[in-house]
Structures are given as C-alpha cells and as structure tokens.
Amino acid sequence: TPLTAIKGFVETLQNGAIEDAAVRDRFLDTLASETERLIRLSNDLLLLTRADAGQLDLHLVSTDLADCIERAVEYLEPLAQEKAVDLVMDLPETSTHALADADRVHQVLVNLLGNGLKFTPEGGRVTISLGSHEDSPCIAVTDTGPGIPKEALPHLFERFYRGDRSRARGEGESGAGLGLAIAKAIVEAHGGQIWVES
C-alpha cells in the first residue's frame, strides 16, 4: 500500500500537479508520510526475519518492569487523551525486575497498549498491570473494548492478520498486521509467553 500511494502521488506530480504549490506541498507531505510507513514496515519485516532465524539482538540487563510500563504509558498518554480513553496503571508497591531488553519490552508494551486504545471506545479504559503468573513476572493489558470474536483468537498473533477492521474507531487506523506477531517474537525471544483472552 505505501508503494502504491507513493507511485500514484509521484505520477500526479509528474503530470503537472507540481505547478500548483498548495497541491505540491500536500502531496510532498503525504509522500514523506508514506515513505516513513514503508520504512517502518521494512524494519518490522526485518525484525521478524531475525527472530525466525534466532538472531534477534537482545541487550539483556536487570530491568525494572514498572519503569518500562510507566515509560510506555507516558508515551501513549497523548493518544489516550485524544481518544478520551483512560489509560490506567496497576503496579505493585515493590519493584519487579527481570532480565530483559528494556527497549524491546517498551516496543511490546506500546504495541499492546496501542491496540487497546485503538479498539476501546470513547469513555472506556485501558489498564496495564504488573503481577505474577506461575512464579514469573506477568504484565497484563486489558481494555473495555468490544472484545475479540472467538474465531479470530487463534490467528491474533499471525503475521498480517488484521481481524475485523470495522471494529477500529476511526478511519485509517489499521496497520500492516505485524504488531502482535512482533510482540510475540520479542516475548518468546526473552523466553516468555504471550496469550490473549476475550
């Protein structure tokens, strides 16, 4: 899709639209945006290819998971406010550390929280909590969105799976369908598990 859009805008500019300054500037902005989208898509595919080959670079250090959660929430708070959705943290009083790559954990949390925000209607809530599951640290993201159809659950972490796009709140909110596959690859590269309940 980004390549098709880029090609179309370039052809339109070549066919004379470049002479109209307002149209030209709008098209150049769109070209820049689509190019960024293509770069993100390429990087996502590269990450998944590395994960498949067992070559995903992780910089494992003792990581405070509450700090990771707070950083992800702070990053997404403007989006939550824009969508009028409460973004809530439920953190224990004592710190929870894990041997992890903090940047990759951040990537997973932003993806999961972003999905929660995408599918939660105005006035709803997305909650991220830190606890334990089978004696291991466990981070859970829950939302008050419409839920996930039973038939979609087994496919949720597959590459390019996007489910029912009509459940997204606004136009243009669908991605390439790689985010949850990437989250799964990163979690499993850490020796962890990721799952969904609806």
C-alpha atoms as a PDB file:
ATOM      1  CA  THR A   1       0.000   0.000   0.000  1.00  0.00           C
ATOM      2  CA  PRO A   2       2.713   2.594   0.749  1.00  0.00           C
ATOM      3  CA  LEU A   3       4.424   1.876  -2.573  1.00  0.00           C
ATOM      4  CA  THR A   4       1.160   2.200  -4.498  1.00  0.00           C
ATOM      5  CA  ALA A   5       0.433   5.538  -2.812  1.00  0.00           C
ATOM      6  CA  ILE A   6       3.964   6.824  -3.439  1.00  0.00           C
ATOM      7  CA  LYS A   7       3.791   5.812  -7.110  1.00  0.00           C
ATOM      8  CA  GLY A   8       0.401   7.495  -7.561  1.00  0.00           C
ATOM      9  CA  PHE A   9       1.475  10.776  -5.969  1.00  0.00           C
ATOM     10  CA  VAL A  10       4.743  10.886  -7.924  1.00  0.00           C
ATOM     11  CA  GLU A  11       2.881  10.286 -11.216  1.00  0.00           C
ATOM     12  CA  THR A  12       0.373  13.022 -10.378  1.00  0.00           C
ATOM     13  CA  LEU A  13       3.198  15.461  -9.644  1.00  0.00           C
ATOM     14  CA  GLN A  14       4.959  14.479 -12.879  1.00  0.00           C
ATOM     15  CA  ASN A  15       1.735  15.094 -14.815  1.00  0.00           C
ATOM     16  CA  GLY A  16       1.603  18.760 -13.838  1.00  0.00           C
ATOM     17  CA  ALA A  17       0.378  18.953 -10.246  1.00  0.00           C
ATOM     18  CA  ILE A  18       3.837  20.155  -9.239  1.00  0.00           C
ATOM     19  CA  GLU A  19       2.952  23.577 -10.694  1.00  0.00           C
ATOM     20  CA  ASP A  20       0.253  24.136  -8.040  1.00  0.00           C
ATOM     21  CA  ALA A  21       2.175  24.999  -4.847  1.00  0.00           C
ATOM     22  CA  ALA A  22      -0.626  24.021  -2.460  1.00  0.00           C
ATOM     23  CA  VAL A  23      -1.184  20.635  -4.130  1.00  0.00           C
ATOM     24  CA  ARG A  24       2.557  20.043  -4.418  1.00  0.00           C
ATOM     25  CA  ASP A  25       3.164  20.723  -0.719  1.00  0.00           C
ATOM     26  CA  ARG A  26       0.256  18.488   0.341  1.00  0.00           C
ATOM     27  CA  PHE A  27       1.469  15.672  -1.920  1.00  0.00           C
ATOM     28  CA  LEU A  28       5.063  16.007  -0.675  1.00  0.00           C
ATOM     29  CA  ASP A  29       3.840  15.750   2.928  1.00  0.00           C
ATOM     30  CA  THR A  30       1.927  12.603   2.016  1.00  0.00           C
ATOM     31  CA  LEU A  31       4.949  11.174   0.197  1.00  0.00           C
ATOM     32  CA  ALA A  32       7.094  11.754   3.282  1.00  0.00           C
ATOM     33  CA  SER A  33       4.471  10.076   5.486  1.00  0.00           C
ATOM     34  CA  GLU A  34       4.118   7.060   3.179  1.00  0.00           C
ATOM     35  CA  THR A  35       7.907   6.720   2.975  1.00  0.00           C
ATOM     36  CA  GLU A  36       8.107   6.636   6.778  1.00  0.00           C
ATOM     37  CA  ARG A  37       5.374   3.999   6.802  1.00  0.00           C
ATOM     38  CA  LEU A  38       7.340   1.913   4.292  1.00  0.00           C
ATOM     39  CA  ILE A  39      10.498   2.212   6.418  1.00  0.00           C
ATOM     40  CA  ARG A  40       8.554   1.017   9.496  1.00  0.00           C
ATOM     41  CA  LEU A  41       7.117  -1.900   7.531  1.00  0.00           C
ATOM     42  CA  SER A  42      10.575  -2.884   6.267  1.00  0.00           C
ATOM     43  CA  ASN A  43      12.031  -2.693   9.779  1.00  0.00           C
ATOM     44  CA  ASP A  44       9.177  -4.806  11.141  1.00  0.00           C
ATOM     45  CA  LEU A  45       9.742  -7.479   8.499  1.00  0.00           C
ATOM     46  CA  LEU A  46      13.486  -7.431   9.195  1.00  0.00           C
ATOM     47  CA  LEU A  47      12.850  -7.883  12.934  1.00  0.00           C
ATOM     48  CA  LEU A  48      10.580 -10.875  12.270  1.00  0.00           C
ATOM     49  CA  THR A  49      13.115 -12.416   9.898  1.00  0.00           C
ATOM     50  CA  ARG A  50      15.838 -12.084  12.548  1.00  0.00           C
ATOM     51  CA  ALA A  51      13.536 -13.583  15.174  1.00  0.00           C
ATOM     52  CA  ASP A  52      12.770 -16.541  12.878  1.00  0.00           C
ATOM     53  CA  ALA A  53      16.492 -17.133  12.439  1.00  0.00           C
ATOM     54  CA  GLY A  54      17.101 -16.902  16.205  1.00  0.00           C
ATOM     55  CA  GLN A  55      19.217 -13.789  15.635  1.00  0.00           C
ATOM     56  CA  LEU A  56      17.142 -11.143  17.349  1.00  0.00           C
ATOM     57  CA  ASP A  57      19.629  -8.962  19.214  1.00  0.00           C
ATOM     58  CA  LEU A  58      18.619  -8.566  22.845  1.00  0.00           C
ATOM     59  CA  HIS A  59      20.579  -6.469  25.321  1.00  0.00           C
ATOM     60  CA  LEU A  60      19.608  -8.325  28.487  1.00  0.00           C
ATOM     61  CA  VAL A  61      20.080  -6.484  31.766  1.00  0.00           C
ATOM     62  CA  SER A  62      18.227  -6.373  35.066  1.00  0.00           C
ATOM     63  CA  THR A  63      15.204  -4.272  34.122  1.00  0.00           C
ATOM     64  CA  ASP A  64      12.594  -2.680  36.377  1.00  0.00           C
ATOM     65  CA  LEU A  65       9.332  -3.677  34.666  1.00  0.00           C
ATOM     66  CA  ALA A  66       7.364  -0.918  36.410  1.00  0.00           C
ATOM     67  CA  ASP A  67       9.709   1.627  34.820  1.00  0.00           C
ATOM     68  CA  CYS A  68       9.047   0.063  31.411  1.00  0.00           C
ATOM     69  CA  ILE A  69       5.297   0.308  31.999  1.00  0.00           C
ATOM     70  CA  GLU A  70       5.475   3.919  33.163  1.00  0.00           C
ATOM     71  CA  ARG A  71       7.549   4.848  30.105  1.00  0.00           C
ATOM     72  CA  ALA A  72       5.061   3.202  27.713  1.00  0.00           C
ATOM     73  CA  VAL A  73       2.067   4.854  29.403  1.00  0.00           C
ATOM     74  CA  GLU A  74       3.747   8.259  29.288  1.00  0.00           C
ATOM     75  CA  TYR A  75       4.473   7.739  25.584  1.00  0.00           C
ATOM     76  CA  LEU A  76       0.826   6.893  24.787  1.00  0.00           C
ATOM     77  CA  GLU A  77      -0.914   9.291  27.180  1.00  0.00           C
ATOM     78  CA  PRO A  78      -1.432  11.976  24.483  1.00  0.00           C
ATOM     79  CA  LEU A  79      -3.176   9.408  22.256  1.00  0.00           C
ATOM     80  CA  ALA A  80      -5.339   8.261  25.174  1.00  0.00           C
ATOM     81  CA  GLN A  81      -6.366  11.865  25.874  1.00  0.00           C
ATOM     82  CA  GLU A  82      -7.108  12.479  22.206  1.00  0.00           C
ATOM     83  CA  LYS A  83      -9.390   9.412  22.143  1.00  0.00           C
ATOM     84  CA  ALA A  84     -10.922  10.243  25.571  1.00  0.00           C
ATOM     85  CA  VAL A  85      -9.888   6.841  26.950  1.00  0.00           C
ATOM     86  CA  ASP A  86      -8.493   6.408  30.477  1.00  0.00           C
ATOM     87  CA  LEU A  87      -5.032   4.825  30.482  1.00  0.00           C
ATOM     88  CA  VAL A  88      -4.511   3.272  33.922  1.00  0.00           C
ATOM     89  CA  MET A  89      -1.525   1.571  35.611  1.00  0.00           C
ATOM     90  CA  ASP A  90      -1.883  -1.053  38.328  1.00  0.00           C
ATOM     91  CA  LEU A  91       1.600  -1.526  39.756  1.00  0.00           C
ATOM     92  CA  PRO A  92       2.783  -3.312  42.913  1.00  0.00           C
ATOM     93  CA  GLU A  93       4.427  -1.337  45.697  1.00  0.00           C
ATOM     94  CA  THR A  94       7.633  -3.365  45.435  1.00  0.00           C
ATOM     95  CA  SER A  95       9.763  -3.305  42.309  1.00  0.00           C
ATOM     96  CA  THR A  96       9.770  -6.255  39.933  1.00  0.00           C
ATOM     97  CA  HIS A  97      12.930  -6.885  37.968  1.00  0.00           C
ATOM     98  CA  ALA A  98      13.524  -9.246  35.068  1.00  0.00           C
ATOM     99  CA  LEU A  99      16.456  -9.992  32.795  1.00  0.00           C
ATOM    100  CA  ALA A 100      15.215  -8.165  29.724  1.00  0.00           C
ATOM    101  CA  ASP A 101      15.934  -5.752  26.891  1.00  0.00           C
ATOM    102  CA  ALA A 102      14.129  -2.612  28.087  1.00  0.00           C
ATOM    103  CA  ASP A 103      13.787  -1.153  24.571  1.00  0.00           C
ATOM    104  CA  ARG A 104      12.216  -4.350  23.237  1.00  0.00           C
ATOM    105  CA  VAL A 105       9.884  -4.568  26.255  1.00  0.00           C
ATOM    106  CA  HIS A 106       8.880  -0.960  25.540  1.00  0.00           C
ATOM    107  CA  GLN A 107       8.128  -1.931  21.932  1.00  0.00           C
ATOM    108  CA  VAL A 108       5.848  -4.766  23.086  1.00  0.00           C
ATOM    109  CA  LEU A 109       4.037  -2.621  25.662  1.00  0.00           C
ATOM    110  CA  VAL A 110       3.462   0.257  23.228  1.00  0.00           C
ATOM    111  CA  ASN A 111       2.051  -2.218  20.721  1.00  0.00           C
ATOM    112  CA  LEU A 112      -0.314  -3.864  23.215  1.00  0.00           C
ATOM    113  CA  LEU A 113      -1.452  -0.588  24.759  1.00  0.00           C
ATOM    114  CA  GLY A 114      -1.831   0.967  21.308  1.00  0.00           C
ATOM    115  CA  ASN A 115      -4.107  -1.882  20.233  1.00  0.00           C
ATOM    116  CA  GLY A 116      -6.139  -1.450  23.401  1.00  0.00           C
ATOM    117  CA  LEU A 117      -6.537   2.264  22.709  1.00  0.00           C
ATOM    118  CA  LYS A 118      -7.419   1.628  19.076  1.00  0.00           C
ATOM    119  CA  PHE A 119     -10.337  -0.664  19.894  1.00  0.00           C
ATOM    120  CA  THR A 120     -11.645   0.990  23.068  1.00  0.00           C
ATOM    121  CA  PRO A 121     -14.497   3.445  22.544  1.00  0.00           C
ATOM    122  CA  GLU A 122     -14.549   6.952  23.957  1.00  0.00           C
ATOM    123  CA  GLY A 123     -15.057   6.948  27.723  1.00  0.00           C
ATOM    124  CA  GLY A 124     -13.524   3.482  28.043  1.00  0.00           C
ATOM    125  CA  ARG A 125     -10.457   2.306  29.881  1.00  0.00           C
ATOM    126  CA  VAL A 126      -7.199   0.538  29.057  1.00  0.00           C
ATOM    127  CA  THR A 127      -5.394  -0.889  32.082  1.00  0.00           C
ATOM    128  CA  ILE A 128      -1.865  -2.257  32.289  1.00  0.00           C
ATOM    129  CA  SER A 129      -0.984  -4.243  35.386  1.00  0.00           C
ATOM    130  CA  LEU A 130       2.116  -5.933  36.725  1.00  0.00           C
ATOM    131  CA  GLY A 131       1.836  -9.092  38.763  1.00  0.00           C
ATOM    132  CA  SER A 132       2.959 -12.696  38.578  1.00  0.00           C
ATOM    133  CA  HIS A 133       1.877 -15.843  36.781  1.00  0.00           C
ATOM    134  CA  GLU A 134       3.321 -19.241  37.683  1.00  0.00           C
ATOM    135  CA  ASP A 135       6.091 -17.573  39.730  1.00  0.00           C
ATOM    136  CA  SER A 136       7.199 -15.338  36.838  1.00  0.00           C
ATOM    137  CA  PRO A 137       6.559 -11.637  36.307  1.00  0.00           C
ATOM    138  CA  CYS A 138       3.413 -11.052  34.241  1.00  0.00           C
ATOM    139  CA  ILE A 139       2.270  -7.883  32.522  1.00  0.00           C
ATOM    140  CA  ALA A 140      -1.402  -7.775  31.506  1.00  0.00           C
ATOM    141  CA  VAL A 141      -3.153  -5.260  29.269  1.00  0.00           C
ATOM    142  CA  THR A 142      -6.955  -5.182  29.495  1.00  0.00           C
ATOM    143  CA  ASP A 143      -9.470  -2.890  27.861  1.00  0.00           C
ATOM    144  CA  THR A 144     -13.185  -2.165  27.809  1.00  0.00           C
ATOM    145  CA  GLY A 145     -13.446  -2.531  24.053  1.00  0.00           C
ATOM    146  CA  PRO A 146     -15.905  -4.813  22.232  1.00  0.00           C
ATOM    147  CA  GLY A 147     -13.797  -7.956  22.658  1.00  0.00           C
ATOM    148  CA  ILE A 148     -12.337 -10.249  20.025  1.00  0.00           C
ATOM    149  CA  PRO A 149     -14.501 -12.738  18.121  1.00  0.00           C
ATOM    150  CA  LYS A 150     -13.842 -16.350  19.123  1.00  0.00           C
ATOM    151  CA  GLU A 151     -12.860 -17.328  15.574  1.00  0.00           C
ATOM    152  CA  ALA A 152     -10.170 -14.614  15.496  1.00  0.00           C
ATOM    153  CA  LEU A 153      -8.392 -15.638  18.727  1.00  0.00           C
ATOM    154  CA  PRO A 154      -6.217 -18.429  17.226  1.00  0.00           C
ATOM    155  CA  HIS A 155      -4.987 -16.067  14.476  1.00  0.00           C
ATOM    156  CA  LEU A 156      -4.295 -12.949  16.519  1.00  0.00           C
ATOM    157  CA  PHE A 157      -0.502 -13.348  16.638  1.00  0.00           C
ATOM    158  CA  GLU A 158      -0.126 -14.359  12.974  1.00  0.00           C
ATOM    159  CA  ARG A 159       1.680 -12.053  10.577  1.00  0.00           C
ATOM    160  CA  PHE A 160      -0.529  -9.777   8.508  1.00  0.00           C
ATOM    161  CA  TYR A 161      -3.661 -10.826  10.425  1.00  0.00           C
ATOM    162  CA  ARG A 162      -5.826  -7.756  10.990  1.00  0.00           C
ATOM    163  CA  GLY A 163      -9.167  -9.199  12.043  1.00  0.00           C
ATOM    164  CA  ASP A 164     -12.266  -7.102  11.653  1.00  0.00           C
ATOM    165  CA  ARG A 165     -11.043  -3.628  10.741  1.00  0.00           C
ATOM    166  CA  SER A 166     -14.542  -2.233  11.130  1.00  0.00           C
ATOM    167  CA  ARG A 167     -14.070  -2.504  14.921  1.00  0.00           C
ATOM    168  CA  ALA A 168     -11.431   0.260  14.827  1.00  0.00           C
ATOM    169  CA  ARG A 169     -12.808   3.595  15.966  1.00  0.00           C
ATOM    170  CA  GLY A 170     -11.669   5.813  13.148  1.00  0.00           C
ATOM    171  CA  GLU A 171     -10.564   5.887   9.579  1.00  0.00           C
ATOM    172  CA  GLY A 172      -7.010   4.924   8.713  1.00  0.00           C
ATOM    173  CA  GLU A 173      -6.356   3.134  11.983  1.00  0.00           C
ATOM    174  CA  SER A 174      -5.448  -0.238  10.526  1.00  0.00           C
ATOM    175  CA  GLY A 175      -1.799  -1.252  10.332  1.00  0.00           C
ATOM    176  CA  ALA A 176       0.012  -3.920   8.383  1.00  0.00           C
ATOM    177  CA  GLY A 177      -0.977  -6.646  10.820  1.00  0.00           C
ATOM    178  CA  LEU A 178       2.560  -7.199  12.113  1.00  0.00           C
ATOM    179  CA  GLY A 179       2.415  -5.617  15.565  1.00  0.00           C
ATOM    180  CA  LEU A 180       1.168  -8.620  17.522  1.00  0.00           C
ATOM    181  CA  ALA A 181       3.443 -11.001  15.590  1.00  0.00           C
ATOM    182  CA  ILE A 182       6.369  -8.774  16.567  1.00  0.00           C
ATOM    183  CA  ALA A 183       5.205  -8.650  20.199  1.00  0.00           C
ATOM    184  CA  LYS A 184       5.061 -12.451  20.242  1.00  0.00           C
ATOM    185  CA  ALA A 185       8.524 -12.787  18.667  1.00  0.00           C
ATOM    186  CA  ILE A 186      10.063 -10.403  21.221  1.00  0.00           C
ATOM    187  CA  VAL A 187       8.361 -12.016  24.213  1.00  0.00           C
ATOM    188  CA  GLU A 188       9.365 -15.509  23.089  1.00  0.00           C
ATOM    189  CA  ALA A 189      12.944 -14.380  22.402  1.00  0.00           C
ATOM    190  CA  HIS A 190      13.011 -13.441  26.107  1.00  0.00           C
ATOM    191  CA  GLY A 191      11.826 -16.949  26.989  1.00  0.00           C
ATOM    192  CA  GLY A 192       8.366 -15.671  27.884  1.00  0.00           C
ATOM    193  CA  GLN A 193       4.820 -16.393  26.778  1.00  0.00           C
ATOM    194  CA  ILE A 194       2.122 -14.153  25.342  1.00  0.00           C
ATOM    195  CA  TRP A 195      -1.565 -15.001  25.099  1.00  0.00           C
ATOM    196  CA  VAL A 196      -4.971 -13.421  24.754  1.00  0.00           C
ATOM    197  CA  GLU A 197      -8.293 -13.917  26.474  1.00  0.00           C
ATOM    198  CA  SER A 198     -11.569 -12.305  25.460  1.00  0.00           C
END
